[in-house]
Amino acid sequence: MADIKFSARAYCKMIFHAAKYPHCAVNGVLLAEDSKSKEDKKGLFILDAIPLFHLCLHVTPMAEIALTQIDHWATSAGFVIAGYYLANENLRDLSHEKMGHRIAEKIADNFSSACLVVIDNRNLTLNMDNAALCVSQFADGKWKPRDKSSFSLARNSLDTAATLIQRQTYVELIDFDNHLDDISQDWRNPSLNLEVDEEAGTVG
């Protein structure tokens, strides 16, 4: 299995989603560059996260609509849906809920080395001293936990997350629930993306 790396943008948006809705379970999908040759040679680099839901993670028709829209946009932008993330409502719960497995396995059908990320709520602190992620990867037909040494965060990811959490930037994050309530709300989060990239020093 290839090593996995998360960009500052992808990491921050996953963390922001959990921080914005601490009383809810949340989920979303992860994007990588659509180039299997690069995936094979350099490992899997997760570039972005698209937040899905916080109200009800199990509404299948809404999930289908969201995934279809995201897939169409991602394809046109040169990305592929390469993973799934979730944060459970219970602070200590690191399990993969069944609906998440179904979405994640659908992703794995189209991207063979897809990853499944559970946010460890216990590590969501103002200082962000540790990566708050538990990562599994699809291999041999099932999800296999990855050791912490097999995945990494891009430079400045933790510092960027800590700085922006202290500014309460997470309130700006738009997920698909927000978009369905008001279609003027952009689930791609262009303004937030720029803010994270600038703080992380990855603009340009």
C-alpha atoms as a PDB file:
ATOM      1  CA  MET A   1       0.000   0.000   0.000  1.00  0.00           C
ATOM      2  CA  ALA A   2       1.250   3.459  -0.905  1.00  0.00           C
ATOM      3  CA  ASP A   3       2.097   6.034   1.743  1.00  0.00           C
ATOM      4  CA  ILE A   4      -0.499   8.766   2.172  1.00  0.00           C
ATOM      5  CA  LYS A   5       0.093  12.491   2.560  1.00  0.00           C
ATOM      6  CA  PHE A   6      -2.518  15.140   3.368  1.00  0.00           C
ATOM      7  CA  SER A   7      -2.218  18.749   2.244  1.00  0.00           C
ATOM      8  CA  ALA A   8      -2.751  21.517   4.783  1.00  0.00           C
ATOM      9  CA  ARG A   9      -5.996  22.399   3.018  1.00  0.00           C
ATOM     10  CA  ALA A  10      -7.382  18.868   3.202  1.00  0.00           C
ATOM     11  CA  TYR A  11      -6.363  18.447   6.833  1.00  0.00           C
ATOM     12  CA  CYS A  12      -7.730  21.804   7.964  1.00  0.00           C
ATOM     13  CA  LYS A  13     -11.088  21.373   6.256  1.00  0.00           C
ATOM     14  CA  MET A  14     -11.641  17.965   7.853  1.00  0.00           C
ATOM     15  CA  ILE A  15     -10.778  19.419  11.255  1.00  0.00           C
ATOM     16  CA  PHE A  16     -12.894  22.536  10.663  1.00  0.00           C
ATOM     17  CA  HIS A  17     -15.929  20.409   9.786  1.00  0.00           C
ATOM     18  CA  ALA A  18     -15.680  18.555  13.095  1.00  0.00           C
ATOM     19  CA  ALA A  19     -14.978  21.781  15.004  1.00  0.00           C
ATOM     20  CA  LYS A  20     -17.932  23.655  13.490  1.00  0.00           C
ATOM     21  CA  TYR A  21     -20.370  20.916  14.506  1.00  0.00           C
ATOM     22  CA  PRO A  22     -18.936  19.409  17.713  1.00  0.00           C
ATOM     23  CA  HIS A  23     -22.366  18.057  18.703  1.00  0.00           C
ATOM     24  CA  CYS A  24     -22.820  16.160  15.403  1.00  0.00           C
ATOM     25  CA  ALA A  25     -21.264  13.406  13.372  1.00  0.00           C
ATOM     26  CA  VAL A  26     -19.863  14.815  10.115  1.00  0.00           C
ATOM     27  CA  ASN A  27     -18.568  13.335   6.889  1.00  0.00           C
ATOM     28  CA  GLY A  28     -17.003  14.274   3.573  1.00  0.00           C
ATOM     29  CA  VAL A  29     -14.895  13.095   0.657  1.00  0.00           C
ATOM     30  CA  LEU A  30     -11.220  13.548  -0.142  1.00  0.00           C
ATOM     31  CA  LEU A  31      -9.734  14.558  -3.482  1.00  0.00           C
ATOM     32  CA  ALA A  32      -6.432  13.684  -5.131  1.00  0.00           C
ATOM     33  CA  GLU A  33      -4.980  14.624  -8.489  1.00  0.00           C
ATOM     34  CA  ASP A  34      -6.429  12.369 -11.190  1.00  0.00           C
ATOM     35  CA  SER A  35      -3.208  10.635 -12.181  1.00  0.00           C
ATOM     36  CA  LYS A  36      -2.814   6.971 -11.319  1.00  0.00           C
ATOM     37  CA  SER A  37       0.787   6.999 -12.503  1.00  0.00           C
ATOM     38  CA  LYS A  38       1.652   9.592  -9.869  1.00  0.00           C
ATOM     39  CA  GLU A  39      -0.330   7.633  -7.281  1.00  0.00           C
ATOM     40  CA  ASP A  40       1.752   4.518  -7.989  1.00  0.00           C
ATOM     41  CA  LYS A  41       5.151   6.230  -7.956  1.00  0.00           C
ATOM     42  CA  LYS A  42       4.810   8.813  -5.235  1.00  0.00           C
ATOM     43  CA  GLY A  43       2.062   7.504  -2.976  1.00  0.00           C
ATOM     44  CA  LEU A  44      -1.340   9.057  -2.450  1.00  0.00           C
ATOM     45  CA  PHE A  45      -1.432  12.841  -1.943  1.00  0.00           C
ATOM     46  CA  ILE A  46      -4.803  14.098  -0.702  1.00  0.00           C
ATOM     47  CA  LEU A  47      -5.120  17.683  -1.919  1.00  0.00           C
ATOM     48  CA  ASP A  48      -8.574  18.763  -0.779  1.00  0.00           C
ATOM     49  CA  ALA A  49     -11.575  17.780   1.322  1.00  0.00           C
ATOM     50  CA  ILE A  50     -15.206  18.376   0.377  1.00  0.00           C
ATOM     51  CA  PRO A  51     -17.518  18.487   3.426  1.00  0.00           C
ATOM     52  CA  LEU A  52     -20.771  16.551   2.960  1.00  0.00           C
ATOM     53  CA  PHE A  53     -23.188  16.438   5.885  1.00  0.00           C
ATOM     54  CA  HIS A  54     -23.696  17.180   9.572  1.00  0.00           C
ATOM     55  CA  LEU A  55     -27.467  16.789   9.961  1.00  0.00           C
ATOM     56  CA  CYS A  56     -27.993  13.246   8.746  1.00  0.00           C
ATOM     57  CA  LEU A  57     -25.183  11.153   7.306  1.00  0.00           C
ATOM     58  CA  HIS A  58     -27.565   8.393   6.232  1.00  0.00           C
ATOM     59  CA  VAL A  59     -29.820  10.191   3.721  1.00  0.00           C
ATOM     60  CA  THR A  60     -28.911   8.119   0.670  1.00  0.00           C
ATOM     61  CA  PRO A  61     -30.660  10.247  -2.021  1.00  0.00           C
ATOM     62  CA  MET A  62     -28.904  13.377  -0.750  1.00  0.00           C
ATOM     63  CA  ALA A  63     -25.578  11.539  -0.622  1.00  0.00           C
ATOM     64  CA  GLU A  64     -26.058  10.377  -4.222  1.00  0.00           C
ATOM     65  CA  ILE A  65     -26.828  13.925  -5.373  1.00  0.00           C
ATOM     66  CA  ALA A  66     -23.805  15.304  -3.540  1.00  0.00           C
ATOM     67  CA  LEU A  67     -21.411  12.636  -4.802  1.00  0.00           C
ATOM     68  CA  THR A  68     -22.607  13.080  -8.388  1.00  0.00           C
ATOM     69  CA  GLN A  69     -22.107  16.855  -8.260  1.00  0.00           C
ATOM     70  CA  ILE A  70     -18.702  16.518  -6.630  1.00  0.00           C
ATOM     71  CA  ASP A  71     -17.574  13.855  -9.097  1.00  0.00           C
ATOM     72  CA  HIS A  72     -18.570  15.973 -12.104  1.00  0.00           C
ATOM     73  CA  TRP A  73     -16.796  19.035 -10.746  1.00  0.00           C
ATOM     74  CA  ALA A  74     -13.720  17.059  -9.648  1.00  0.00           C
ATOM     75  CA  THR A  75     -13.360  15.435 -13.065  1.00  0.00           C
ATOM     76  CA  SER A  76     -13.532  18.801 -14.825  1.00  0.00           C
ATOM     77  CA  ALA A  77     -10.924  20.202 -12.412  1.00  0.00           C
ATOM     78  CA  GLY A  78      -8.507  17.285 -12.837  1.00  0.00           C
ATOM     79  CA  PHE A  79      -9.237  15.625  -9.486  1.00  0.00           C
ATOM     80  CA  VAL A  80     -10.555  12.234  -8.456  1.00  0.00           C
ATOM     81  CA  ILE A  81     -12.498  11.265  -5.332  1.00  0.00           C
ATOM     82  CA  ALA A  82      -9.837   9.268  -3.498  1.00  0.00           C
ATOM     83  CA  GLY A  83     -11.146   8.931   0.045  1.00  0.00           C
ATOM     84  CA  TYR A  84     -13.825   9.451   2.662  1.00  0.00           C
ATOM     85  CA  TYR A  85     -13.669  11.015   6.112  1.00  0.00           C
ATOM     86  CA  LEU A  86     -15.935  11.090   9.127  1.00  0.00           C
ATOM     87  CA  ALA A  87     -16.011  12.294  12.699  1.00  0.00           C
ATOM     88  CA  ASN A  88     -18.299  10.488  15.101  1.00  0.00           C
ATOM     89  CA  GLU A  89     -20.599  12.224  17.561  1.00  0.00           C
ATOM     90  CA  ASN A  90     -19.126  10.372  20.545  1.00  0.00           C
ATOM     91  CA  LEU A  91     -15.760  11.803  21.611  1.00  0.00           C
ATOM     92  CA  ARG A  92     -14.095   8.386  21.962  1.00  0.00           C
ATOM     93  CA  ASP A  93     -15.757   6.639  19.030  1.00  0.00           C
ATOM     94  CA  LEU A  94     -13.257   5.797  16.277  1.00  0.00           C
ATOM     95  CA  SER A  95     -15.464   3.282  14.461  1.00  0.00           C
ATOM     96  CA  HIS A  96     -16.569   3.439  10.824  1.00  0.00           C
ATOM     97  CA  GLU A  97     -20.350   3.644  10.706  1.00  0.00           C
ATOM     98  CA  LYS A  98     -22.016   1.341   8.150  1.00  0.00           C
ATOM     99  CA  MET A  99     -23.245   4.080   5.841  1.00  0.00           C
ATOM    100  CA  GLY A 100     -19.725   5.434   5.724  1.00  0.00           C
ATOM    101  CA  HIS A 101     -18.466   2.037   4.674  1.00  0.00           C
ATOM    102  CA  ARG A 102     -20.920   1.973   1.785  1.00  0.00           C
ATOM    103  CA  ILE A 103     -19.862   5.399   0.542  1.00  0.00           C
ATOM    104  CA  ALA A 104     -16.183   4.585   1.076  1.00  0.00           C
ATOM    105  CA  GLU A 105     -16.455   1.253  -0.746  1.00  0.00           C
ATOM    106  CA  LYS A 106     -18.191   2.962  -3.656  1.00  0.00           C
ATOM    107  CA  ILE A 107     -15.224   5.334  -3.815  1.00  0.00           C
ATOM    108  CA  ALA A 108     -12.811   2.373  -3.643  1.00  0.00           C
ATOM    109  CA  ASP A 109     -14.587   0.768  -6.623  1.00  0.00           C
ATOM    110  CA  ASN A 110     -13.389   3.714  -8.706  1.00  0.00           C
ATOM    111  CA  PHE A 111     -10.068   4.391  -6.963  1.00  0.00           C
ATOM    112  CA  SER A 112      -8.247   1.242  -5.896  1.00  0.00           C
ATOM    113  CA  SER A 113      -6.071   2.723  -3.126  1.00  0.00           C
ATOM    114  CA  ALA A 114      -8.772   4.922  -1.573  1.00  0.00           C
ATOM    115  CA  CYS A 115      -8.353   5.952   2.056  1.00  0.00           C
ATOM    116  CA  LEU A 116     -10.847   6.088   4.911  1.00  0.00           C
ATOM    117  CA  VAL A 117     -10.182   8.653   7.635  1.00  0.00           C
ATOM    118  CA  VAL A 118     -11.758   8.827  11.083  1.00  0.00           C
ATOM    119  CA  ILE A 119     -11.134  12.089  12.927  1.00  0.00           C
ATOM    120  CA  ASP A 120      -9.932  11.463  16.477  1.00  0.00           C
ATOM    121  CA  ASN A 121     -11.975  14.020  18.392  1.00  0.00           C
ATOM    122  CA  ARG A 122      -9.757  13.589  21.452  1.00  0.00           C
ATOM    123  CA  ASN A 123      -6.938  15.355  19.579  1.00  0.00           C
ATOM    124  CA  LEU A 124      -9.006  18.366  18.525  1.00  0.00           C
ATOM    125  CA  THR A 125      -7.344  21.014  20.668  1.00  0.00           C
ATOM    126  CA  LEU A 126      -6.534  24.689  20.221  1.00  0.00           C
ATOM    127  CA  ASN A 127      -2.835  23.870  19.880  1.00  0.00           C
ATOM    128  CA  MET A 128      -3.256  20.904  17.498  1.00  0.00           C
ATOM    129  CA  ASP A 129      -0.126  19.174  18.789  1.00  0.00           C
ATOM    130  CA  ASN A 130      -0.889  15.889  17.007  1.00  0.00           C
ATOM    131  CA  ALA A 131      -2.553  14.821  13.780  1.00  0.00           C
ATOM    132  CA  ALA A 132      -6.147  14.044  14.747  1.00  0.00           C
ATOM    133  CA  LEU A 133      -6.532  11.289  12.154  1.00  0.00           C
ATOM    134  CA  CYS A 134      -6.922   7.513  12.128  1.00  0.00           C
ATOM    135  CA  VAL A 135      -6.343   6.264   8.587  1.00  0.00           C
ATOM    136  CA  SER A 136      -7.291   3.038   6.815  1.00  0.00           C
ATOM    137  CA  GLN A 137      -6.675   2.126   3.192  1.00  0.00           C
ATOM    138  CA  PHE A 138      -8.516  -0.236   0.862  1.00  0.00           C
ATOM    139  CA  ALA A 139      -6.477  -3.303  -0.065  1.00  0.00           C
ATOM    140  CA  ASP A 140      -7.362  -6.909  -0.892  1.00  0.00           C
ATOM    141  CA  GLY A 141     -11.059  -6.129  -0.724  1.00  0.00           C
ATOM    142  CA  LYS A 142     -11.166  -4.648   2.765  1.00  0.00           C
ATOM    143  CA  TRP A 143     -10.194  -1.625   4.844  1.00  0.00           C
ATOM    144  CA  LYS A 144      -6.857  -2.043   6.580  1.00  0.00           C
ATOM    145  CA  PRO A 145      -5.683   0.317   9.351  1.00  0.00           C
ATOM    146  CA  ARG A 146      -2.512   2.205   8.506  1.00  0.00           C
ATOM    147  CA  ASP A 147       0.209   2.812  11.037  1.00  0.00           C
ATOM    148  CA  LYS A 148       0.798   6.476  11.884  1.00  0.00           C
ATOM    149  CA  SER A 149       4.229   6.231  10.251  1.00  0.00           C
ATOM    150  CA  SER A 150       2.594   5.431   6.893  1.00  0.00           C
ATOM    151  CA  PHE A 151       0.793   8.755   6.540  1.00  0.00           C
ATOM    152  CA  SER A 152       1.921  12.336   6.976  1.00  0.00           C
ATOM    153  CA  LEU A 153       0.756  15.930   6.853  1.00  0.00           C
ATOM    154  CA  ALA A 154       2.203  18.579   4.578  1.00  0.00           C
ATOM    155  CA  ARG A 155       4.502  21.156   6.144  1.00  0.00           C
ATOM    156  CA  ASN A 156       2.760  23.704   8.394  1.00  0.00           C
ATOM    157  CA  SER A 157      -0.515  21.735   8.506  1.00  0.00           C
ATOM    158  CA  LEU A 158      -0.741  21.544  12.297  1.00  0.00           C
ATOM    159  CA  ASP A 159       0.371  25.151  12.824  1.00  0.00           C
ATOM    160  CA  THR A 160      -2.093  26.352  10.186  1.00  0.00           C
ATOM    161  CA  ALA A 161      -4.951  24.390  11.740  1.00  0.00           C
ATOM    162  CA  ALA A 162      -4.121  25.703  15.221  1.00  0.00           C
ATOM    163  CA  THR A 163      -3.887  29.334  14.084  1.00  0.00           C
ATOM    164  CA  LEU A 164      -7.147  29.238  12.152  1.00  0.00           C
ATOM    165  CA  ILE A 165      -9.042  27.335  14.839  1.00  0.00           C
ATOM    166  CA  GLN A 166      -8.012  29.998  17.341  1.00  0.00           C
ATOM    167  CA  ARG A 167      -9.424  32.594  14.915  1.00  0.00           C
ATOM    168  CA  GLN A 168     -12.611  30.497  14.670  1.00  0.00           C
ATOM    169  CA  THR A 169     -12.183  30.337  10.907  1.00  0.00           C
ATOM    170  CA  TYR A 170     -14.025  27.005  10.937  1.00  0.00           C
ATOM    171  CA  VAL A 171     -17.372  28.851  11.102  1.00  0.00           C
ATOM    172  CA  GLU A 172     -16.814  29.855   7.451  1.00  0.00           C
ATOM    173  CA  LEU A 173     -16.819  26.241   6.222  1.00  0.00           C
ATOM    174  CA  ILE A 174     -19.739  25.288   3.973  1.00  0.00           C
ATOM    175  CA  ASP A 175     -20.885  21.670   3.719  1.00  0.00           C
ATOM    176  CA  PHE A 176     -23.552  20.129   1.496  1.00  0.00           C
ATOM    177  CA  ASP A 177     -26.216  20.512   4.174  1.00  0.00           C
ATOM    178  CA  ASN A 178     -25.562  24.270   4.113  1.00  0.00           C
ATOM    179  CA  HIS A 179     -25.660  24.248   0.303  1.00  0.00           C
ATOM    180  CA  LEU A 180     -28.979  22.373   0.198  1.00  0.00           C
ATOM    181  CA  ASP A 181     -30.462  24.942   2.585  1.00  0.00           C
ATOM    182  CA  ASP A 182     -29.164  27.831   0.460  1.00  0.00           C
ATOM    183  CA  ILE A 183     -27.733  27.036  -2.963  1.00  0.00           C
ATOM    184  CA  SER A 184     -25.766  30.294  -2.959  1.00  0.00           C
ATOM    185  CA  GLN A 185     -23.513  28.665  -0.335  1.00  0.00           C
ATOM    186  CA  ASP A 186     -20.593  27.115  -2.230  1.00  0.00           C
ATOM    187  CA  TRP A 187     -19.565  23.641  -1.015  1.00  0.00           C
ATOM    188  CA  ARG A 188     -16.225  24.072  -2.816  1.00  0.00           C
ATOM    189  CA  ASN A 189     -15.282  26.731  -0.221  1.00  0.00           C
ATOM    190  CA  PRO A 190     -13.096  28.889  -2.515  1.00  0.00           C
ATOM    191  CA  SER A 191     -12.614  31.717   0.005  1.00  0.00           C
ATOM    192  CA  LEU A 192     -11.767  29.342   2.836  1.00  0.00           C
ATOM    193  CA  ASN A 193      -9.394  27.410   0.580  1.00  0.00           C
ATOM    194  CA  LEU A 194      -7.481  30.608  -0.168  1.00  0.00           C
ATOM    195  CA  GLU A 195      -7.357  31.550   3.509  1.00  0.00           C
ATOM    196  CA  VAL A 196      -5.913  28.149   4.450  1.00  0.00           C
ATOM    197  CA  ASP A 197      -3.442  28.166   1.558  1.00  0.00           C
ATOM    198  CA  GLU A 198      -2.213  31.650   2.462  1.00  0.00           C
ATOM    199  CA  GLU A 199      -1.730  30.727   6.116  1.00  0.00           C
ATOM    200  CA  ALA A 200       0.082  27.518   5.137  1.00  0.00           C
ATOM    201  CA  GLY A 201       2.282  29.345   2.629  1.00  0.00           C
ATOM    202  CA  THR A 202       1.125  27.228  -0.311  1.00  0.00           C
ATOM    203  CA  VAL A 203      -0.411  29.943  -2.505  1.00  0.00           C
ATOM    204  CA  GLY A 204       1.125  29.993  -5.944  1.00  0.00           C
END
